[in-house]
């Protein structure tokens, strides 16, 4: 049975050798399967948006309808969570959503899923939390630290609750990165394992090895699991991108509307 973890290994496609960089020292430069997957995802997004905007009509076609639906959905998320200033942060949230969504879906067709790499998901999470911190200080100055001082809690409890809030804030990028990474990794591992059962048991049945012909019913059951998991993975690919966008909007709302509602 093929190794289910092999699909997540970063492999060099074009090797440019090693160079000495001032800060990083000796560094290997190469185009990897991860670079290719992310570049293809970026180009697909650009092509999709170009088609949507170039072919915009009063009566939308299928591609325009899909584009407008995604646009309206994320616009509704930022507007409902952040409020009247949500449109200002919509481009960032929408870009995150599209990148995560297309990388997730692309992993269903290619042998490599970019969002199954912790470095990729951690980068998205770091960009999100750094933007939140930057906006927090830009809008509120030192008042940003009010985020960790729960005024609604009893006075004696505020330091303890505030400490919990502070550590919770520090964990936000970690949970953002691990949630997306874990879901994509686990789903593809399960798919690979059940697909391996189908091949191994089917081949054993025809070769007269293993379970023999009794392996065919088990292979059929495994095949049904592959179909079900594939459908579930498409749903998870969308849901994880949507959850990432929602959480990014929630974190932005915490600093945009710090101390008051919207």
C-alpha atoms as a PDB file:
ATOM      1  CA  UNK A   1       0.000   0.000   0.000  1.00  0.00           C
ATOM      2  CA  UNK A   2       1.346   3.439  -0.892  1.00  0.00           C
ATOM      3  CA  UNK A   3       2.591   5.616   1.944  1.00  0.00           C
ATOM      4  CA  UNK A   4      -0.289   8.032   2.802  1.00  0.00           C
ATOM      5  CA  UNK A   5       2.202  10.646   4.059  1.00  0.00           C
ATOM      6  CA  UNK A   6       4.251  10.693   0.852  1.00  0.00           C
ATOM      7  CA  UNK A   7       1.738  13.045  -0.803  1.00  0.00           C
ATOM      8  CA  UNK A   8       2.663  15.806   1.677  1.00  0.00           C
ATOM      9  CA  UNK A   9       6.410  15.726   1.062  1.00  0.00           C
ATOM     10  CA  UNK A  10       7.896  18.811  -0.574  1.00  0.00           C
ATOM     11  CA  UNK A  11       9.893  17.795  -3.625  1.00  0.00           C
ATOM     12  CA  UNK A  12      12.184  19.826  -5.837  1.00  0.00           C
ATOM     13  CA  UNK A  13      11.034  20.225  -9.420  1.00  0.00           C
ATOM     14  CA  UNK A  14      13.742  22.635 -10.579  1.00  0.00           C
ATOM     15  CA  UNK A  15      16.911  22.928  -8.486  1.00  0.00           C
ATOM     16  CA  UNK A  16      18.898  26.162  -8.690  1.00  0.00           C
ATOM     17  CA  UNK A  17      21.562  25.031  -6.233  1.00  0.00           C
ATOM     18  CA  UNK A  18      22.671  26.752  -3.039  1.00  0.00           C
ATOM     19  CA  UNK A  19      23.579  30.411  -2.497  1.00  0.00           C
ATOM     20  CA  UNK A  20      24.931  32.364   0.459  1.00  0.00           C
ATOM     21  CA  UNK A  21      22.483  34.985   1.709  1.00  0.00           C
ATOM     22  CA  UNK A  22      23.549  37.768   4.132  1.00  0.00           C
ATOM     23  CA  UNK A  23      21.078  36.877   6.902  1.00  0.00           C
ATOM     24  CA  UNK A  24      20.080  33.274   6.218  1.00  0.00           C
ATOM     25  CA  UNK A  25      23.514  31.952   5.264  1.00  0.00           C
ATOM     26  CA  UNK A  26      23.737  29.016   2.871  1.00  0.00           C
ATOM     27  CA  UNK A  27      20.286  28.546   1.355  1.00  0.00           C
ATOM     28  CA  UNK A  28      19.057  26.156  -1.308  1.00  0.00           C
ATOM     29  CA  UNK A  29      16.960  27.703  -4.069  1.00  0.00           C
ATOM     30  CA  UNK A  30      14.494  25.539  -5.956  1.00  0.00           C
ATOM     31  CA  UNK A  31      11.045  25.432  -7.467  1.00  0.00           C
ATOM     32  CA  UNK A  32       9.100  22.818  -5.524  1.00  0.00           C
ATOM     33  CA  UNK A  33       5.712  21.159  -5.847  1.00  0.00           C
ATOM     34  CA  UNK A  34       4.533  23.556  -3.128  1.00  0.00           C
ATOM     35  CA  UNK A  35       5.550  26.588  -5.230  1.00  0.00           C
ATOM     36  CA  UNK A  36       3.789  25.159  -8.263  1.00  0.00           C
ATOM     37  CA  UNK A  37       0.568  24.414  -6.349  1.00  0.00           C
ATOM     38  CA  UNK A  38       0.425  27.927  -4.878  1.00  0.00           C
ATOM     39  CA  UNK A  39       1.291  29.567  -8.210  1.00  0.00           C
ATOM     40  CA  UNK A  40      -1.385  27.581 -10.044  1.00  0.00           C
ATOM     41  CA  UNK A  41      -3.913  28.560  -7.359  1.00  0.00           C
ATOM     42  CA  UNK A  42      -2.990  32.233  -7.742  1.00  0.00           C
ATOM     43  CA  UNK A  43      -3.255  32.102 -11.538  1.00  0.00           C
ATOM     44  CA  UNK A  44      -6.627  30.335 -11.365  1.00  0.00           C
ATOM     45  CA  UNK A  45      -7.951  33.043  -9.030  1.00  0.00           C
ATOM     46  CA  UNK A  46      -6.722  35.813 -11.333  1.00  0.00           C
ATOM     47  CA  UNK A  47      -8.208  34.056 -14.365  1.00  0.00           C
ATOM     48  CA  UNK A  48     -11.517  33.474 -12.571  1.00  0.00           C
ATOM     49  CA  UNK A  49     -11.839  37.104 -11.471  1.00  0.00           C
ATOM     50  CA  UNK A  50     -10.813  38.305 -14.925  1.00  0.00           C
ATOM     51  CA  UNK A  51     -13.530  36.200 -16.553  1.00  0.00           C
ATOM     52  CA  UNK A  52     -16.112  37.372 -14.004  1.00  0.00           C
ATOM     53  CA  UNK A  53     -15.332  41.073 -14.481  1.00  0.00           C
ATOM     54  CA  UNK A  54     -14.746  40.943 -18.240  1.00  0.00           C
ATOM     55  CA  UNK A  55     -17.971  39.084 -18.996  1.00  0.00           C
ATOM     56  CA  UNK A  56     -20.190  40.982 -16.552  1.00  0.00           C
ATOM     57  CA  UNK A  57     -23.742  41.168 -17.881  1.00  0.00           C
ATOM     58  CA  UNK A  58     -27.122  42.269 -16.595  1.00  0.00           C
ATOM     59  CA  UNK A  59     -28.260  38.654 -16.796  1.00  0.00           C
ATOM     60  CA  UNK A  60     -25.261  36.795 -15.318  1.00  0.00           C
ATOM     61  CA  UNK A  61     -23.952  33.510 -16.654  1.00  0.00           C
ATOM     62  CA  UNK A  62     -22.729  30.620 -14.536  1.00  0.00           C
ATOM     63  CA  UNK A  63     -19.220  31.963 -13.938  1.00  0.00           C
ATOM     64  CA  UNK A  64     -20.467  35.460 -13.135  1.00  0.00           C
ATOM     65  CA  UNK A  65     -23.106  34.022 -10.823  1.00  0.00           C
ATOM     66  CA  UNK A  66     -20.477  31.989  -8.972  1.00  0.00           C
ATOM     67  CA  UNK A  67     -18.198  35.012  -8.656  1.00  0.00           C
ATOM     68  CA  UNK A  68     -20.966  37.309  -7.450  1.00  0.00           C
ATOM     69  CA  UNK A  69     -22.166  34.673  -4.975  1.00  0.00           C
ATOM     70  CA  UNK A  70     -18.713  34.367  -3.419  1.00  0.00           C
ATOM     71  CA  UNK A  71     -18.348  38.154  -3.378  1.00  0.00           C
ATOM     72  CA  UNK A  72     -21.739  38.684  -1.721  1.00  0.00           C
ATOM     73  CA  UNK A  73     -21.143  35.914   0.798  1.00  0.00           C
ATOM     74  CA  UNK A  74     -17.846  37.323   2.115  1.00  0.00           C
ATOM     75  CA  UNK A  75     -19.171  40.880   1.865  1.00  0.00           C
ATOM     76  CA  UNK A  76     -22.066  39.773   4.055  1.00  0.00           C
ATOM     77  CA  UNK A  77     -19.628  38.199   6.530  1.00  0.00           C
ATOM     78  CA  UNK A  78     -17.487  41.336   6.916  1.00  0.00           C
ATOM     79  CA  UNK A  79     -20.550  43.602   7.023  1.00  0.00           C
ATOM     80  CA  UNK A  80     -22.413  41.562   9.640  1.00  0.00           C
ATOM     81  CA  UNK A  81     -19.377  40.976  11.861  1.00  0.00           C
ATOM     82  CA  UNK A  82     -17.362  44.216  11.539  1.00  0.00           C
ATOM     83  CA  UNK A  83     -20.204  46.559  10.724  1.00  0.00           C
ATOM     84  CA  UNK A  84     -20.245  49.665   8.529  1.00  0.00           C
ATOM     85  CA  UNK A  85     -16.430  49.592   8.265  1.00  0.00           C
ATOM     86  CA  UNK A  86     -16.427  46.009   7.059  1.00  0.00           C
ATOM     87  CA  UNK A  87     -16.082  47.033   3.418  1.00  0.00           C
ATOM     88  CA  UNK A  88     -12.687  48.569   4.232  1.00  0.00           C
ATOM     89  CA  UNK A  89     -11.335  45.180   5.286  1.00  0.00           C
ATOM     90  CA  UNK A  90     -13.274  43.156   2.732  1.00  0.00           C
ATOM     91  CA  UNK A  91     -10.383  42.927   0.185  1.00  0.00           C
ATOM     92  CA  UNK A  92      -8.090  41.265   2.728  1.00  0.00           C
ATOM     93  CA  UNK A  93     -10.711  38.795   3.969  1.00  0.00           C
ATOM     94  CA  UNK A  94     -11.900  38.012   0.432  1.00  0.00           C
ATOM     95  CA  UNK A  95      -8.312  37.420  -0.748  1.00  0.00           C
ATOM     96  CA  UNK A  96      -7.669  35.066   2.175  1.00  0.00           C
ATOM     97  CA  UNK A  97     -10.897  33.211   1.456  1.00  0.00           C
ATOM     98  CA  UNK A  98     -10.146  32.743  -2.249  1.00  0.00           C
ATOM     99  CA  UNK A  99      -6.546  31.639  -1.667  1.00  0.00           C
ATOM    100  CA  UNK A 100      -7.498  29.071   0.963  1.00  0.00           C
ATOM    101  CA  UNK A 101     -10.503  27.860  -1.031  1.00  0.00           C
ATOM    102  CA  UNK A 102      -8.661  27.388  -4.325  1.00  0.00           C
ATOM    103  CA  UNK A 103      -5.637  25.748  -2.661  1.00  0.00           C
ATOM    104  CA  UNK A 104      -7.973  23.369  -0.828  1.00  0.00           C
ATOM    105  CA  UNK A 105      -9.895  22.477  -3.989  1.00  0.00           C
ATOM    106  CA  UNK A 106      -6.751  22.209  -6.087  1.00  0.00           C
ATOM    107  CA  UNK A 107      -5.457  19.602  -3.659  1.00  0.00           C
ATOM    108  CA  UNK A 108      -8.390  17.384  -4.641  1.00  0.00           C
ATOM    109  CA  UNK A 109      -7.075  17.199  -8.213  1.00  0.00           C
ATOM    110  CA  UNK A 110      -3.298  17.423  -7.779  1.00  0.00           C
ATOM    111  CA  UNK A 111      -1.030  15.099  -5.818  1.00  0.00           C
ATOM    112  CA  UNK A 112      -0.044  17.949  -3.476  1.00  0.00           C
ATOM    113  CA  UNK A 113      -2.189  20.155  -1.236  1.00  0.00           C
ATOM    114  CA  UNK A 114      -0.540  23.453  -0.297  1.00  0.00           C
ATOM    115  CA  UNK A 115      -2.798  24.006   2.722  1.00  0.00           C
ATOM    116  CA  UNK A 116      -1.701  20.662   4.177  1.00  0.00           C
ATOM    117  CA  UNK A 117       1.646  22.347   4.865  1.00  0.00           C
ATOM    118  CA  UNK A 118       1.850  24.011   8.278  1.00  0.00           C
ATOM    119  CA  UNK A 119       4.227  26.653   6.891  1.00  0.00           C
ATOM    120  CA  UNK A 120       1.529  27.820   4.465  1.00  0.00           C
ATOM    121  CA  UNK A 121      -1.326  27.913   6.965  1.00  0.00           C
ATOM    122  CA  UNK A 122       0.947  29.524   9.583  1.00  0.00           C
ATOM    123  CA  UNK A 123       1.816  32.265   7.081  1.00  0.00           C
ATOM    124  CA  UNK A 124      -1.872  33.024   6.498  1.00  0.00           C
ATOM    125  CA  UNK A 125      -2.463  33.056  10.267  1.00  0.00           C
ATOM    126  CA  UNK A 126       0.570  35.291  10.902  1.00  0.00           C
ATOM    127  CA  UNK A 127      -0.532  37.790   8.247  1.00  0.00           C
ATOM    128  CA  UNK A 128      -3.992  37.907   9.819  1.00  0.00           C
ATOM    129  CA  UNK A 129      -2.836  38.445  13.387  1.00  0.00           C
ATOM    130  CA  UNK A 130      -0.182  41.000  12.379  1.00  0.00           C
ATOM    131  CA  UNK A 131      -2.838  42.982  10.519  1.00  0.00           C
ATOM    132  CA  UNK A 132      -5.098  42.789  13.585  1.00  0.00           C
ATOM    133  CA  UNK A 133      -2.318  44.056  15.860  1.00  0.00           C
ATOM    134  CA  UNK A 134      -1.343  46.816  13.404  1.00  0.00           C
ATOM    135  CA  UNK A 135      -4.928  48.041  13.050  1.00  0.00           C
ATOM    136  CA  UNK A 136      -5.412  47.747  16.804  1.00  0.00           C
ATOM    137  CA  UNK A 137      -2.541  50.093  17.601  1.00  0.00           C
ATOM    138  CA  UNK A 138      -3.236  52.396  14.630  1.00  0.00           C
ATOM    139  CA  UNK A 139      -6.862  52.950  15.653  1.00  0.00           C
ATOM    140  CA  UNK A 140      -6.642  52.749  19.431  1.00  0.00           C
ATOM    141  CA  UNK A 141      -3.036  53.435  20.397  1.00  0.00           C
ATOM    142  CA  UNK A 142      -2.297  52.006  23.819  1.00  0.00           C
ATOM    143  CA  UNK A 143      -6.048  51.594  24.187  1.00  0.00           C
ATOM    144  CA  UNK A 144      -5.478  48.371  22.241  1.00  0.00           C
ATOM    145  CA  UNK A 145      -4.690  46.754  25.585  1.00  0.00           C
ATOM    146  CA  UNK A 146      -8.306  47.316  26.643  1.00  0.00           C
ATOM    147  CA  UNK A 147      -8.909  44.157  24.654  1.00  0.00           C
ATOM    148  CA  UNK A 148      -7.356  42.283  27.584  1.00  0.00           C
ATOM    149  CA  UNK A 149      -9.163  44.209  30.333  1.00  0.00           C
ATOM    150  CA  UNK A 150     -12.767  42.905  30.553  1.00  0.00           C
ATOM    151  CA  UNK A 151     -14.707  45.850  31.979  1.00  0.00           C
ATOM    152  CA  UNK A 152     -17.807  43.702  32.416  1.00  0.00           C
ATOM    153  CA  UNK A 153     -16.098  41.327  34.871  1.00  0.00           C
ATOM    154  CA  UNK A 154     -15.926  41.957  38.650  1.00  0.00           C
ATOM    155  CA  UNK A 155     -12.955  44.165  39.563  1.00  0.00           C
ATOM    156  CA  UNK A 156     -11.138  41.454  41.516  1.00  0.00           C
ATOM    157  CA  UNK A 157     -11.534  39.010  38.631  1.00  0.00           C
ATOM    158  CA  UNK A 158     -10.389  41.352  35.888  1.00  0.00           C
ATOM    159  CA  UNK A 159      -6.645  40.621  36.169  1.00  0.00           C
ATOM    160  CA  UNK A 160      -7.238  36.875  35.975  1.00  0.00           C
ATOM    161  CA  UNK A 161      -9.767  37.121  33.151  1.00  0.00           C
ATOM    162  CA  UNK A 162      -7.508  39.611  31.368  1.00  0.00           C
ATOM    163  CA  UNK A 163      -4.585  37.178  31.611  1.00  0.00           C
ATOM    164  CA  UNK A 164      -6.740  34.451  30.102  1.00  0.00           C
ATOM    165  CA  UNK A 165      -7.800  36.824  27.313  1.00  0.00           C
ATOM    166  CA  UNK A 166      -4.167  37.720  26.639  1.00  0.00           C
ATOM    167  CA  UNK A 167      -3.060  34.095  26.284  1.00  0.00           C
ATOM    168  CA  UNK A 168      -6.169  33.392  24.229  1.00  0.00           C
ATOM    169  CA  UNK A 169      -5.129  36.181  21.869  1.00  0.00           C
ATOM    170  CA  UNK A 170      -1.629  34.713  21.562  1.00  0.00           C
ATOM    171  CA  UNK A 171      -3.135  31.333  20.677  1.00  0.00           C
ATOM    172  CA  UNK A 172      -5.291  32.743  17.871  1.00  0.00           C
ATOM    173  CA  UNK A 173      -2.684  32.400  15.086  1.00  0.00           C
ATOM    174  CA  UNK A 174      -1.788  28.908  16.322  1.00  0.00           C
ATOM    175  CA  UNK A 175      -5.383  27.700  16.266  1.00  0.00           C
ATOM    176  CA  UNK A 176      -5.986  29.372  12.885  1.00  0.00           C
ATOM    177  CA  UNK A 177      -2.997  27.583  11.380  1.00  0.00           C
ATOM    178  CA  UNK A 178      -3.580  24.196  13.025  1.00  0.00           C
ATOM    179  CA  UNK A 179      -7.312  24.061  12.236  1.00  0.00           C
ATOM    180  CA  UNK A 180      -6.799  24.424   8.499  1.00  0.00           C
ATOM    181  CA  UNK A 181      -3.643  22.290   8.444  1.00  0.00           C
ATOM    182  CA  UNK A 182      -5.174  19.470  10.496  1.00  0.00           C
ATOM    183  CA  UNK A 183      -8.406  19.246   8.523  1.00  0.00           C
ATOM    184  CA  UNK A 184      -6.676  19.127   5.143  1.00  0.00           C
ATOM    185  CA  UNK A 185      -3.979  16.720   6.326  1.00  0.00           C
ATOM    186  CA  UNK A 186      -6.381  14.315   8.026  1.00  0.00           C
ATOM    187  CA  UNK A 187      -8.866  14.220   5.178  1.00  0.00           C
ATOM    188  CA  UNK A 188      -6.261  13.448   2.532  1.00  0.00           C
ATOM    189  CA  UNK A 189      -4.609  10.791   4.703  1.00  0.00           C
ATOM    190  CA  UNK A 190      -7.967   9.041   5.138  1.00  0.00           C
ATOM    191  CA  UNK A 191      -8.621   9.208   1.393  1.00  0.00           C
ATOM    192  CA  UNK A 192      -5.201   7.741   0.624  1.00  0.00           C
ATOM    193  CA  UNK A 193      -5.640   4.894   3.112  1.00  0.00           C
ATOM    194  CA  UNK A 194      -9.048   3.790   1.805  1.00  0.00           C
ATOM    195  CA  UNK A 195      -7.881   4.149  -1.808  1.00  0.00           C
ATOM    196  CA  UNK A 196      -4.907   1.950  -0.913  1.00  0.00           C
ATOM    197  CA  UNK A 197      -7.293  -0.675   0.476  1.00  0.00           C
ATOM    198  CA  UNK A 198      -9.205  -0.687  -2.824  1.00  0.00           C
ATOM    199  CA  UNK A 199      -6.055  -1.257  -4.885  1.00  0.00           C
ATOM    200  CA  UNK A 200      -4.436  -3.776  -2.520  1.00  0.00           C
ATOM    201  CA  UNK A 201      -7.547  -5.903  -1.941  1.00  0.00           C
ATOM    202  CA  UNK A 202      -8.612  -5.756  -5.582  1.00  0.00           C
ATOM    203  CA  UNK A 203      -5.165  -6.790  -6.809  1.00  0.00           C
ATOM    204  CA  UNK A 204      -4.982  -9.533  -4.176  1.00  0.00           C
ATOM    205  CA  UNK A 205      -8.342 -10.918  -5.278  1.00  0.00           C
ATOM    206  CA  UNK A 206      -7.257 -11.273  -8.904  1.00  0.00           C
ATOM    207  CA  UNK A 207      -3.807 -12.591  -7.953  1.00  0.00           C
ATOM    208  CA  UNK A 208      -5.207 -15.120  -5.492  1.00  0.00           C
ATOM    209  CA  UNK A 209      -3.351 -13.584  -2.562  1.00  0.00           C
ATOM    210  CA  UNK A 210      -4.436 -12.157   0.770  1.00  0.00           C
ATOM    211  CA  UNK A 211      -8.178 -12.553   1.261  1.00  0.00           C
ATOM    212  CA  UNK A 212      -8.612 -13.799  -2.278  1.00  0.00           C
ATOM    213  CA  UNK A 213     -12.063 -13.245  -3.733  1.00  0.00           C
ATOM    214  CA  UNK A 214     -13.322 -12.336  -0.258  1.00  0.00           C
ATOM    215  CA  UNK A 215     -11.321  -9.168  -0.656  1.00  0.00           C
ATOM    216  CA  UNK A 216     -13.656  -7.887  -3.376  1.00  0.00           C
ATOM    217  CA  UNK A 217     -16.562  -7.024  -1.009  1.00  0.00           C
ATOM    218  CA  UNK A 218     -14.119  -5.262   1.316  1.00  0.00           C
ATOM    219  CA  UNK A 219     -12.625  -3.427  -1.653  1.00  0.00           C
ATOM    220  CA  UNK A 220     -16.117  -2.366  -2.743  1.00  0.00           C
ATOM    221  CA  UNK A 221     -16.838  -1.111   0.776  1.00  0.00           C
ATOM    222  CA  UNK A 222     -13.555   0.803   0.773  1.00  0.00           C
ATOM    223  CA  UNK A 223     -14.450   2.269  -2.608  1.00  0.00           C
ATOM    224  CA  UNK A 224     -17.750   3.530  -1.236  1.00  0.00           C
ATOM    225  CA  UNK A 225     -15.816   5.158   1.612  1.00  0.00           C
ATOM    226  CA  UNK A 226     -13.515   6.831  -0.921  1.00  0.00           C
ATOM    227  CA  UNK A 227     -16.510   8.285  -2.758  1.00  0.00           C
ATOM    228  CA  UNK A 228     -18.116   9.470   0.493  1.00  0.00           C
ATOM    229  CA  UNK A 229     -14.852  10.964   1.797  1.00  0.00           C
ATOM    230  CA  UNK A 230     -14.217  12.696  -1.511  1.00  0.00           C
ATOM    231  CA  UNK A 231     -17.604  14.401  -1.341  1.00  0.00           C
ATOM    232  CA  UNK A 232     -16.944  15.293   2.307  1.00  0.00           C
ATOM    233  CA  UNK A 233     -13.504  16.701   1.446  1.00  0.00           C
ATOM    234  CA  UNK A 234     -14.997  19.054  -1.144  1.00  0.00           C
ATOM    235  CA  UNK A 235     -17.381  20.295   1.538  1.00  0.00           C
ATOM    236  CA  UNK A 236     -14.553  20.611   4.082  1.00  0.00           C
ATOM    237  CA  UNK A 237     -12.437  22.503   1.530  1.00  0.00           C
ATOM    238  CA  UNK A 238     -15.148  25.154   1.278  1.00  0.00           C
ATOM    239  CA  UNK A 239     -16.047  25.200   4.977  1.00  0.00           C
ATOM    240  CA  UNK A 240     -12.438  25.630   6.102  1.00  0.00           C
ATOM    241  CA  UNK A 241     -11.975  28.617   3.773  1.00  0.00           C
ATOM    242  CA  UNK A 242     -15.243  30.108   5.040  1.00  0.00           C
ATOM    243  CA  UNK A 243     -14.317  29.517   8.698  1.00  0.00           C
ATOM    244  CA  UNK A 244     -10.930  31.158   8.108  1.00  0.00           C
ATOM    245  CA  UNK A 245     -12.673  34.220   6.655  1.00  0.00           C
ATOM    246  CA  UNK A 246     -15.187  34.365   9.515  1.00  0.00           C
ATOM    247  CA  UNK A 247     -12.505  34.106  12.194  1.00  0.00           C
ATOM    248  CA  UNK A 248     -10.369  36.755  10.472  1.00  0.00           C
ATOM    249  CA  UNK A 249     -13.415  39.057  10.471  1.00  0.00           C
ATOM    250  CA  UNK A 250     -14.087  38.366  14.154  1.00  0.00           C
ATOM    251  CA  UNK A 251     -10.498  39.180  15.097  1.00  0.00           C
ATOM    252  CA  UNK A 252     -10.607  42.370  13.036  1.00  0.00           C
ATOM    253  CA  UNK A 253     -13.889  43.353  14.656  1.00  0.00           C
ATOM    254  CA  UNK A 254     -12.293  43.066  18.108  1.00  0.00           C
ATOM    255  CA  UNK A 255      -9.883  45.930  17.313  1.00  0.00           C
ATOM    256  CA  UNK A 256     -11.985  47.937  14.857  1.00  0.00           C
ATOM    257  CA  UNK A 257     -14.917  48.224  17.267  1.00  0.00           C
ATOM    258  CA  UNK A 258     -12.888  48.052  20.473  1.00  0.00           C
ATOM    259  CA  UNK A 259     -14.977  49.295  23.356  1.00  0.00           C
ATOM    260  CA  UNK A 260     -18.128  49.975  21.351  1.00  0.00           C
ATOM    261  CA  UNK A 261     -20.576  48.117  19.145  1.00  0.00           C
ATOM    262  CA  UNK A 262     -21.175  48.572  15.447  1.00  0.00           C
END
